[in-house]
Amino acid sequence: MAALSILSTRPKSSNSRLTRSSKIFKTIIQSIQQKKGENIVSLDLRKIPEAVADFFIICQASSHIQVKAIADFIKEEVEVHCQEKPYHHEGTQAMQWVLIDYVNIVVHIFLPETRKFYRLEEMWSDAPQMEHAG
């Protein structure tokens, strides 16, 4: 769970609350879809006091190469369309779980077995969940 520990050490931005219709949210979802990410889910953490972000966006890829392709494409598209760079990102060595932190939105790109092992959706089961077509 090292990837989640970094989230607790940085401040949560309070300047603008995001929604699922926010430009950055839509850009991330569309980027995942364009690179054929699977089982795309967003968790709305806005009503959870201890949450480190407004949203988690979780998806999976079938290979290390696809994990990298999705992560790289998200970073490119968000920078081009939203003029934002990640506050932090990690997991690019092993490419089993890449985390991209945009402060109010944290993106998790998993290989299927890694996603099954960490079970983020269960850990945050009190957050409203929405599936997004792949």
Protein backbone atom coordinates (compact mmCIF):
# COMPACT_ATOMS: atom_id res chain seq x y z
CA MET A 1 0.00 0.00 0.00
CA ALA A 2 3.01 2.27 -0.39
CA ALA A 3 1.28 4.00 -3.29
CA LEU A 4 -1.48 5.23 -0.99
CA SER A 5 0.83 6.39 1.79
CA ILE A 6 2.11 9.30 -0.30
CA LEU A 7 -1.44 10.63 -0.55
CA SER A 8 -1.75 11.16 3.20
CA THR A 9 1.29 13.45 3.29
CA ARG A 10 0.09 16.08 0.87
CA PRO A 11 -2.60 18.70 1.34
CA LYS A 12 -6.00 18.25 -0.26
CA SER A 13 -6.85 21.22 -2.40
CA SER A 14 -9.94 23.03 -1.20
CA ASN A 15 -10.03 25.77 -3.81
CA SER A 16 -12.37 24.05 -6.26
CA ARG A 17 -14.60 21.08 -5.69
CA LEU A 18 -14.79 18.89 -8.72
CA THR A 19 -17.72 17.04 -10.22
CA ARG A 20 -17.97 14.24 -12.74
CA SER A 21 -18.68 16.90 -15.36
CA SER A 22 -15.44 18.79 -14.62
CA LYS A 23 -13.11 19.07 -17.62
CA ILE A 24 -10.24 17.20 -15.95
CA PHE A 25 -12.54 14.34 -14.88
CA LYS A 26 -13.94 13.94 -18.40
CA THR A 27 -10.46 14.20 -19.96
CA ILE A 28 -9.14 11.40 -17.74
CA ILE A 29 -12.09 9.08 -18.45
CA GLN A 30 -11.87 9.73 -22.21
CA SER A 31 -8.10 9.12 -22.18
CA ILE A 32 -8.57 5.75 -20.48
CA GLN A 33 -11.31 4.83 -22.94
CA GLN A 34 -9.19 5.80 -25.97
CA LYS A 35 -6.37 3.53 -24.77
CA LYS A 36 -8.84 0.67 -24.19
CA GLY A 37 -8.65 0.67 -20.38
CA GLU A 38 -11.11 -1.78 -18.82
CA ASN A 39 -13.47 -1.85 -15.83
CA ILE A 40 -13.35 1.93 -15.40
CA VAL A 41 -14.86 3.04 -12.10
CA SER A 42 -14.98 6.40 -10.35
CA LEU A 43 -15.43 6.71 -6.61
CA ASP A 44 -16.96 9.94 -5.30
CA LEU A 45 -15.06 10.66 -2.08
CA ARG A 46 -16.37 14.20 -1.53
CA LYS A 47 -18.57 13.28 1.46
CA ILE A 48 -15.92 11.17 3.19
CA PRO A 49 -14.07 13.37 5.71
CA GLU A 50 -10.84 11.33 5.77
CA ALA A 51 -10.63 11.10 1.96
CA VAL A 52 -7.49 12.45 0.35
CA ALA A 53 -9.20 13.55 -2.89
CA ASP A 54 -12.62 14.29 -4.34
CA PHE A 55 -12.47 11.33 -6.73
CA PHE A 56 -10.56 8.15 -7.37
CA ILE A 57 -10.67 6.91 -10.94
CA ILE A 58 -9.72 3.23 -11.17
CA CYS A 59 -9.15 1.13 -14.26
CA GLN A 60 -7.17 -1.84 -15.41
CA ALA A 61 -5.02 -2.78 -18.34
CA SER A 62 -4.17 -6.21 -19.73
CA SER A 63 -0.38 -5.71 -19.84
CA HIS A 64 2.48 -3.63 -18.45
CA ILE A 65 2.74 -1.93 -21.85
CA GLN A 66 -0.93 -0.94 -21.75
CA VAL A 67 -0.60 0.36 -18.17
CA LYS A 68 2.21 2.64 -19.36
CA ALA A 69 0.30 3.70 -22.48
CA ILE A 70 -2.77 4.68 -20.44
CA ALA A 71 -0.72 6.56 -17.84
CA ASP A 72 1.32 8.44 -20.44
CA PHE A 73 -1.78 9.34 -22.46
CA ILE A 74 -3.66 10.64 -19.40
CA LYS A 75 -0.71 12.89 -18.49
CA GLU A 76 -0.43 14.20 -22.07
CA GLU A 77 -4.15 14.82 -22.54
CA VAL A 78 -4.65 16.50 -19.14
CA GLU A 79 -1.69 18.78 -19.79
CA VAL A 80 -2.93 19.71 -23.28
CA HIS A 81 -6.64 20.12 -22.47
CA CYS A 82 -6.56 21.21 -18.82
CA GLN A 83 -3.08 22.75 -18.49
CA GLU A 84 -2.38 20.62 -15.43
CA LYS A 85 0.56 18.41 -14.58
CA PRO A 86 0.35 15.71 -11.92
CA TYR A 87 1.24 16.72 -8.39
CA HIS A 88 2.82 13.27 -8.07
CA HIS A 89 2.92 9.94 -9.87
CA GLU A 90 4.42 6.58 -9.01
CA GLY A 91 4.50 2.94 -9.99
CA THR A 92 6.15 3.51 -13.35
CA GLN A 93 9.00 1.09 -12.51
CA ALA A 94 6.92 -2.08 -12.04
CA MET A 95 3.89 -0.98 -14.13
CA GLN A 96 1.53 -3.10 -12.02
CA TRP A 97 -0.17 -0.16 -10.31
CA VAL A 98 0.44 3.35 -11.58
CA LEU A 99 -0.93 6.18 -9.48
CA ILE A 100 -1.33 9.66 -10.97
CA ASP A 101 -2.21 12.32 -8.40
CA TYR A 102 -3.94 15.49 -9.58
CA VAL A 103 -4.71 16.42 -5.93
CA ASN A 104 -8.52 16.45 -6.28
CA ILE A 105 -8.53 13.41 -8.57
CA VAL A 106 -6.26 10.41 -8.12
CA VAL A 107 -6.05 7.93 -11.01
CA HIS A 108 -5.17 4.28 -10.35
CA ILE A 109 -4.21 2.08 -13.32
CA PHE A 110 -3.85 -1.58 -12.38
CA LEU A 111 -3.01 -4.92 -13.85
CA PRO A 112 -6.03 -7.18 -13.08
CA GLU A 113 -4.31 -9.32 -10.42
CA THR A 114 -2.91 -6.24 -8.63
CA ARG A 115 -6.33 -4.57 -8.61
CA LYS A 116 -7.86 -7.73 -7.19
CA PHE A 117 -5.19 -7.87 -4.47
CA TYR A 118 -5.54 -4.25 -3.26
CA ARG A 119 -9.35 -4.02 -3.63
CA LEU A 120 -9.57 -0.22 -3.52
CA GLU A 121 -13.27 -0.28 -4.33
CA GLU A 122 -13.89 -2.38 -1.21
CA MET A 123 -11.63 -0.20 0.93
CA TRP A 124 -13.69 2.86 -0.08
CA SER A 125 -17.03 1.02 -0.26
CA ASP A 126 -18.90 3.88 1.44
CA ALA A 127 -18.13 6.12 -1.56
CA PRO A 128 -20.73 6.30 -4.33
CA GLN A 129 -19.37 4.34 -7.29
CA MET A 130 -20.03 4.85 -11.00
CA GLU A 131 -18.96 2.60 -13.85
CA HIS A 132 -17.81 4.15 -17.11
CA ALA A 133 -18.05 2.21 -20.37
CA GLY A 134 -14.69 1.11 -21.73
